[in-house]
Structures are given as C-alpha cells and as structure tokens.
Amino acid sequence: MASTVLVANTGRPTGSPAARRMRNDDVIPAVLYGHGMTPLSVAVGRRDLRLALSGAAGSNTVLDLTVDGKVYPAIVKDMQRHPVKRNVTHVDFIQVNLDESITVSVPLRLEGEATAVANGGGLVDPAVDSIEVTTTPRSIPDEFVVDISAMEMDTVIRLGDIPMPAGVTATGEPDSPVVTVLTMRAEVADIEAADAEVAEEQAEETEGEAGEGGEAADAEGGDAAAEGDAATE
C-alpha cells in the first residue's frame, strides 16, 4: 500500500471560538500522538484530508503526515463529526511504526444475491459492518468482500469462514456470526401472535371491567330496594 502525503500545520489557536473559525475556513483541528511523542496540535485542510482518504483504504490509509517538514507515518485513529451536518469537526492521527502490528477495523461488503434465501422468504442480514484485525500498517486490507450467492435459509457465515490475507489476523472468535439469514415469515408470525395476545388481554380486561360495573349496579339496586322497604314501613 502506497503512502499518501498530507500536510498538517502547527501553531493553531485552541479553544471553541478559534476552532469554529477554522472550520468556517474549511480547516479542521487535529491532534497527532503515539509512540511516546508529545501530542501535537495541528490543523489540516478539509479538501486535503478528503483527497488523502479518497482511496480504496479510506480512513485506514497510511499517511505520510508532514508537520513542519518532518514526516510522521500515521493513520486516522478517530474522526469526530457534526451531529447534524455530519461533516468532520476534529481528527485524531496516531503515529505508527510500519513494522509493528496495530489493530484496525476493516469494512465488510456483501457481494452477490442469495436467490435461495429470497425464494424462501428470508433476508440476508450482515451481523457486522466491519471486521477488526491486527496487522502491520502496510498490510491493512482495503475491505473484506463476502460472496452471499450460495447462502440458503439455514446458513450462517462466520468469522472463521472468511479468508485472511497473509499477515492479517482477525481478533474476534472464529464462531462469531458475520452474515446471518432472517426468516421474515417467522417474524411476521411472531408479530401476529404477539398482537393476538395483546388483543386477548385487552378483551379480558374489558370483560373484567364490565363485570365489576354490573356488580356495582346490582349492589346499588339492592340498596335502593332496601331503602324503599324501609320507607314503606
């Protein structure tokens, strides 16, 4: 995997007002840390960052992060986004040693069409959208592609079924499901059964309230009759 150069600038002002002004100018506040270095407060251009991460590896792209003329091999550790606009508001870069293993999440993509599942009234459901692995920065896969064409109603694709490239190890349990099949007909039946149970409980409650109302009316009638007999006497 080739490195991508990204230039970061130091000396950025700190504080929320300054950060807002930077973002308005399409400059993103960021921090670089890792391998015992003193964290550096830096800033990167929004367009520069987008271009640097536009390759197949996405946020797992190994960057030659250039700060004041010094190059730091780094990857994106975290990207904070605006809760509504979803644009990037802050970036954490972590310096990496190209010869040491790191833990990253690699995107999962499903490929093909599970005809047998569709004909059986089922739905292919990815249990995860990424797979966590350990590997050296240069060996990070761009993505994992899973072919679901042969899936049937009773099949599950597990982590151990996914081939790993040389030097890449999945961190999860081999038996953990990656892709499963949802039985839509069974789900509909469960929903209908639950609705019927709720309706039955409501009917019983209504009958109970009606019975209590009748008993109360009988009691009131009895009291009125007794009062009438007393008045006659």
Protein backbone atom coordinates (compact mmCIF):
# COMPACT_ATOMS: atom_id res chain seq x y z
CA MET A 1 0.00 0.00 0.00
CA ALA A 2 1.49 3.30 -1.07
CA SER A 3 1.65 6.19 1.36
CA THR A 4 -0.31 9.37 0.82
CA VAL A 5 1.20 12.70 1.74
CA LEU A 6 -0.89 15.01 3.92
CA VAL A 7 0.49 18.31 5.15
CA ALA A 8 -0.53 19.49 8.61
CA ASN A 9 0.18 22.88 10.11
CA THR A 10 1.19 23.59 13.70
CA GLY A 11 0.60 26.68 15.80
CA ARG A 12 -3.17 26.56 15.56
CA PRO A 13 -5.11 28.51 18.20
CA THR A 14 -7.01 26.47 20.76
CA GLY A 15 -10.48 26.92 22.21
CA SER A 16 -14.00 26.55 20.82
CA PRO A 17 -14.32 30.00 19.18
CA ALA A 18 -11.00 29.55 17.36
CA ALA A 19 -11.98 26.04 16.28
CA ARG A 20 -15.29 27.32 14.86
CA ARG A 21 -13.46 29.98 12.86
CA MET A 22 -11.08 27.36 11.50
CA ARG A 23 -13.92 25.09 10.42
CA ASN A 24 -15.66 28.02 8.74
CA ASP A 25 -12.46 28.42 6.70
CA ASP A 26 -12.51 24.68 5.83
CA VAL A 27 -9.61 23.96 8.18
CA ILE A 28 -10.02 21.04 10.59
CA PRO A 29 -8.43 20.98 14.06
CA ALA A 30 -6.48 17.79 14.70
CA VAL A 31 -4.02 16.16 17.06
CA LEU A 32 -1.10 13.81 16.37
CA TYR A 33 0.14 11.41 19.05
CA GLY A 34 1.60 7.95 19.58
CA HIS A 35 4.91 6.12 20.16
CA GLY A 36 5.78 8.22 23.19
CA MET A 37 5.79 11.53 21.33
CA THR A 38 4.38 14.68 22.89
CA PRO A 39 0.95 15.21 21.30
CA LEU A 40 0.97 17.90 18.63
CA SER A 41 -1.98 20.21 18.00
CA VAL A 42 -2.18 20.56 14.22
CA ALA A 43 -4.65 21.52 11.52
CA VAL A 44 -5.37 20.09 8.06
CA GLY A 45 -7.31 21.43 5.12
CA ARG A 46 -10.71 19.83 4.70
CA ARG A 47 -10.18 19.27 0.98
CA ASP A 48 -6.66 17.90 1.55
CA LEU A 49 -7.96 15.40 4.09
CA ARG A 50 -10.79 14.31 1.82
CA LEU A 51 -8.39 13.70 -1.06
CA ALA A 52 -5.91 11.85 1.16
CA LEU A 53 -8.62 9.44 2.34
CA SER A 54 -10.37 9.07 -1.02
CA GLY A 55 -8.53 5.88 -1.97
CA ALA A 56 -9.76 2.32 -1.53
CA ALA A 57 -8.35 2.10 2.02
CA GLY A 58 -10.41 5.07 3.20
CA SER A 59 -9.71 6.02 6.80
CA ASN A 60 -7.17 3.17 7.05
CA THR A 61 -4.89 4.88 4.53
CA VAL A 62 -1.29 5.07 5.73
CA LEU A 63 -0.37 8.75 5.64
CA ASP A 64 2.96 10.50 5.42
CA LEU A 65 1.75 13.23 7.74
CA THR A 66 4.15 16.12 7.17
CA VAL A 67 4.43 18.56 10.08
CA ASP A 68 6.94 21.42 9.86
CA GLY A 69 8.96 19.45 7.33
CA LYS A 70 9.09 16.27 9.43
CA VAL A 71 7.25 13.19 8.16
CA TYR A 72 5.25 11.00 10.56
CA PRO A 73 3.79 7.73 9.29
CA ALA A 74 0.28 7.88 10.66
CA ILE A 75 -3.30 6.70 10.25
CA VAL A 76 -6.59 8.20 11.33
CA LYS A 77 -7.48 6.92 14.79
CA ASP A 78 -10.75 8.79 15.15
CA MET A 79 -12.83 11.36 13.28
CA GLN A 80 -15.44 13.41 15.10
CA ARG A 81 -18.40 14.64 13.06
CA HIS A 82 -21.10 17.27 13.47
CA PRO A 83 -24.23 15.52 14.80
CA VAL A 84 -26.48 17.01 12.10
CA LYS A 85 -24.29 18.09 9.17
CA ARG A 86 -22.04 15.00 9.55
CA ASN A 87 -19.00 16.94 8.35
CA VAL A 88 -15.67 16.26 10.06
CA THR A 89 -15.01 18.55 13.04
CA HIS A 90 -11.86 17.02 14.54
CA VAL A 91 -9.32 14.34 13.64
CA ASP A 92 -7.06 12.18 15.80
CA PHE A 93 -3.94 10.97 13.97
CA ILE A 94 -1.84 8.25 15.54
CA GLN A 95 1.80 7.78 14.62
CA VAL A 96 2.57 4.18 13.68
CA ASN A 97 5.64 2.02 13.29
CA LEU A 98 5.41 0.42 9.85
CA ASP A 99 6.97 -2.78 11.20
CA GLU A 100 4.68 -3.17 14.22
CA SER A 101 1.19 -4.68 14.23
CA ILE A 102 -1.77 -2.45 15.01
CA THR A 103 -5.48 -3.14 15.47
CA VAL A 104 -7.87 -1.62 12.95
CA SER A 105 -11.43 -2.15 11.71
CA VAL A 106 -11.76 -3.09 8.04
CA PRO A 107 -15.08 -2.51 6.22
CA LEU A 108 -17.20 -5.52 5.22
CA ARG A 109 -19.01 -5.60 1.86
CA LEU A 110 -21.52 -8.23 0.71
CA GLU A 111 -21.42 -9.35 -2.91
CA GLY A 112 -23.89 -11.37 -4.98
CA GLU A 113 -27.54 -12.30 -4.50
CA ALA A 114 -28.78 -15.10 -2.28
CA THR A 115 -31.58 -16.38 -4.52
CA ALA A 116 -32.37 -19.37 -2.31
CA VAL A 117 -32.83 -17.08 0.69
CA ALA A 118 -35.09 -14.69 -1.20
CA ASN A 119 -37.21 -17.56 -2.56
CA GLY A 120 -37.56 -18.97 0.93
CA GLY A 121 -38.94 -15.74 2.34
CA GLY A 122 -35.70 -14.80 4.10
CA LEU A 123 -33.41 -11.82 4.20
CA VAL A 124 -29.62 -11.77 4.30
CA ASP A 125 -28.52 -9.71 7.28
CA PRO A 126 -24.93 -8.60 7.96
CA ALA A 127 -24.28 -9.06 11.68
CA VAL A 128 -21.37 -6.59 11.50
CA ASP A 129 -20.31 -3.85 9.10
CA SER A 130 -16.58 -4.23 9.71
CA ILE A 131 -14.06 -6.79 10.93
CA GLU A 132 -11.37 -5.98 13.48
CA VAL A 133 -7.93 -7.29 12.63
CA THR A 134 -4.31 -6.96 13.70
CA THR A 135 -1.65 -6.40 11.07
CA THR A 136 1.17 -4.08 10.09
CA PRO A 137 0.09 -0.73 8.61
CA ARG A 138 1.25 -1.62 5.09
CA SER A 139 -0.79 -4.86 5.12
CA ILE A 140 -4.17 -3.42 6.10
CA PRO A 141 -6.80 -4.77 3.65
CA ASP A 142 -8.96 -2.17 1.91
CA GLU A 143 -12.09 -4.23 2.64
CA PHE A 144 -13.41 -7.75 3.13
CA VAL A 145 -15.75 -8.94 0.38
CA VAL A 146 -18.15 -11.77 1.24
CA ASP A 147 -19.99 -13.61 -1.55
CA ILE A 148 -23.51 -14.47 -0.33
CA SER A 149 -24.71 -16.15 -3.56
CA ALA A 150 -24.57 -19.68 -2.11
CA MET A 151 -26.34 -18.83 1.15
CA GLU A 152 -29.51 -20.77 1.98
CA MET A 153 -32.14 -20.39 4.66
CA ASP A 154 -30.22 -22.33 7.30
CA THR A 155 -26.72 -20.99 6.62
CA VAL A 156 -24.55 -18.61 8.61
CA ILE A 157 -21.23 -17.16 7.52
CA ARG A 158 -18.90 -16.98 10.48
CA LEU A 159 -15.67 -15.12 11.05
CA GLY A 160 -13.64 -18.30 10.63
CA ASP A 161 -15.10 -18.73 7.14
CA ILE A 162 -13.54 -15.51 5.86
CA PRO A 163 -10.06 -15.94 4.42
CA MET A 164 -7.46 -13.59 5.85
CA PRO A 165 -4.57 -12.23 3.77
CA ALA A 166 -1.05 -13.14 4.80
CA GLY A 167 -0.01 -11.26 7.92
CA VAL A 168 -3.60 -10.36 8.86
CA THR A 169 -5.31 -11.91 11.90
CA ALA A 170 -8.92 -11.40 12.98
CA THR A 171 -9.28 -10.50 16.66
CA GLY A 172 -12.77 -11.99 17.14
CA GLU A 173 -13.87 -15.55 17.87
CA PRO A 174 -13.96 -17.79 14.76
CA ASP A 175 -17.53 -18.88 15.59
CA SER A 176 -18.91 -15.34 15.77
CA PRO A 177 -21.52 -14.69 13.03
CA VAL A 178 -20.68 -12.24 10.27
CA VAL A 179 -23.67 -12.76 7.97
CA THR A 180 -26.95 -14.41 9.01
CA VAL A 181 -30.39 -15.06 7.49
CA LEU A 182 -33.57 -13.56 8.88
CA THR A 183 -36.74 -15.62 8.38
CA MET A 184 -39.30 -12.99 7.53
CA ARG A 185 -42.30 -15.33 7.67
CA ALA A 186 -41.42 -16.45 11.17
CA GLU A 187 -41.00 -12.83 12.25
CA VAL A 188 -44.43 -11.94 10.83
CA ALA A 189 -45.97 -14.92 12.62
CA ASP A 190 -44.36 -13.83 15.89
CA ILE A 191 -45.69 -10.30 15.45
CA GLU A 192 -49.19 -11.59 14.69
CA ALA A 193 -49.09 -13.89 17.71
CA ALA A 194 -47.96 -11.03 19.93
CA ASP A 195 -50.73 -8.78 18.59
CA ALA A 196 -53.30 -11.53 19.22
CA GLU A 197 -52.05 -11.96 22.78
CA VAL A 198 -52.32 -8.24 23.44
CA ALA A 199 -55.85 -8.15 21.98
CA GLU A 200 -56.88 -11.10 24.16
CA GLU A 201 -55.52 -9.40 27.28
CA GLN A 202 -57.37 -6.21 26.42
CA ALA A 203 -60.59 -8.17 25.87
CA GLU A 204 -60.21 -9.87 29.26
CA GLU A 205 -59.63 -6.50 30.91
CA THR A 206 -62.75 -5.08 29.23
CA GLU A 207 -64.83 -8.06 30.36
CA GLY A 208 -63.50 -7.69 33.87
CA GLU A 209 -64.40 -4.00 33.96
CA ALA A 210 -67.86 -4.78 32.62
CA GLY A 211 -68.39 -7.42 35.28
CA GLU A 212 -67.32 -5.07 38.03
CA GLY A 213 -69.69 -2.45 36.68
CA GLY A 214 -72.60 -4.93 36.74
CA GLU A 215 -71.87 -5.97 40.29
CA ALA A 216 -71.77 -2.34 41.35
CA ALA A 217 -75.11 -1.71 39.64
CA ASP A 218 -76.69 -4.74 41.37
CA ALA A 219 -75.40 -3.52 44.71
CA GLU A 220 -76.82 -0.06 44.13
CA GLY A 221 -80.16 -1.60 43.13
CA GLY A 222 -80.23 -3.69 46.28
CA ASP A 223 -79.54 -0.68 48.45
CA ALA A 224 -82.30 1.30 46.75
CA ALA A 225 -84.81 -1.52 47.28
CA ALA A 226 -83.91 -1.75 50.93
CA GLU A 227 -84.39 1.96 51.38
CA GLY A 228 -87.78 1.69 49.66
CA ASP A 229 -88.93 -1.10 52.02
CA ALA A 230 -87.81 0.94 55.00
CA ALA A 231 -89.77 3.96 53.82
CA THR A 232 -92.93 1.83 53.34
CA GLU A 233 -92.72 0.52 56.84
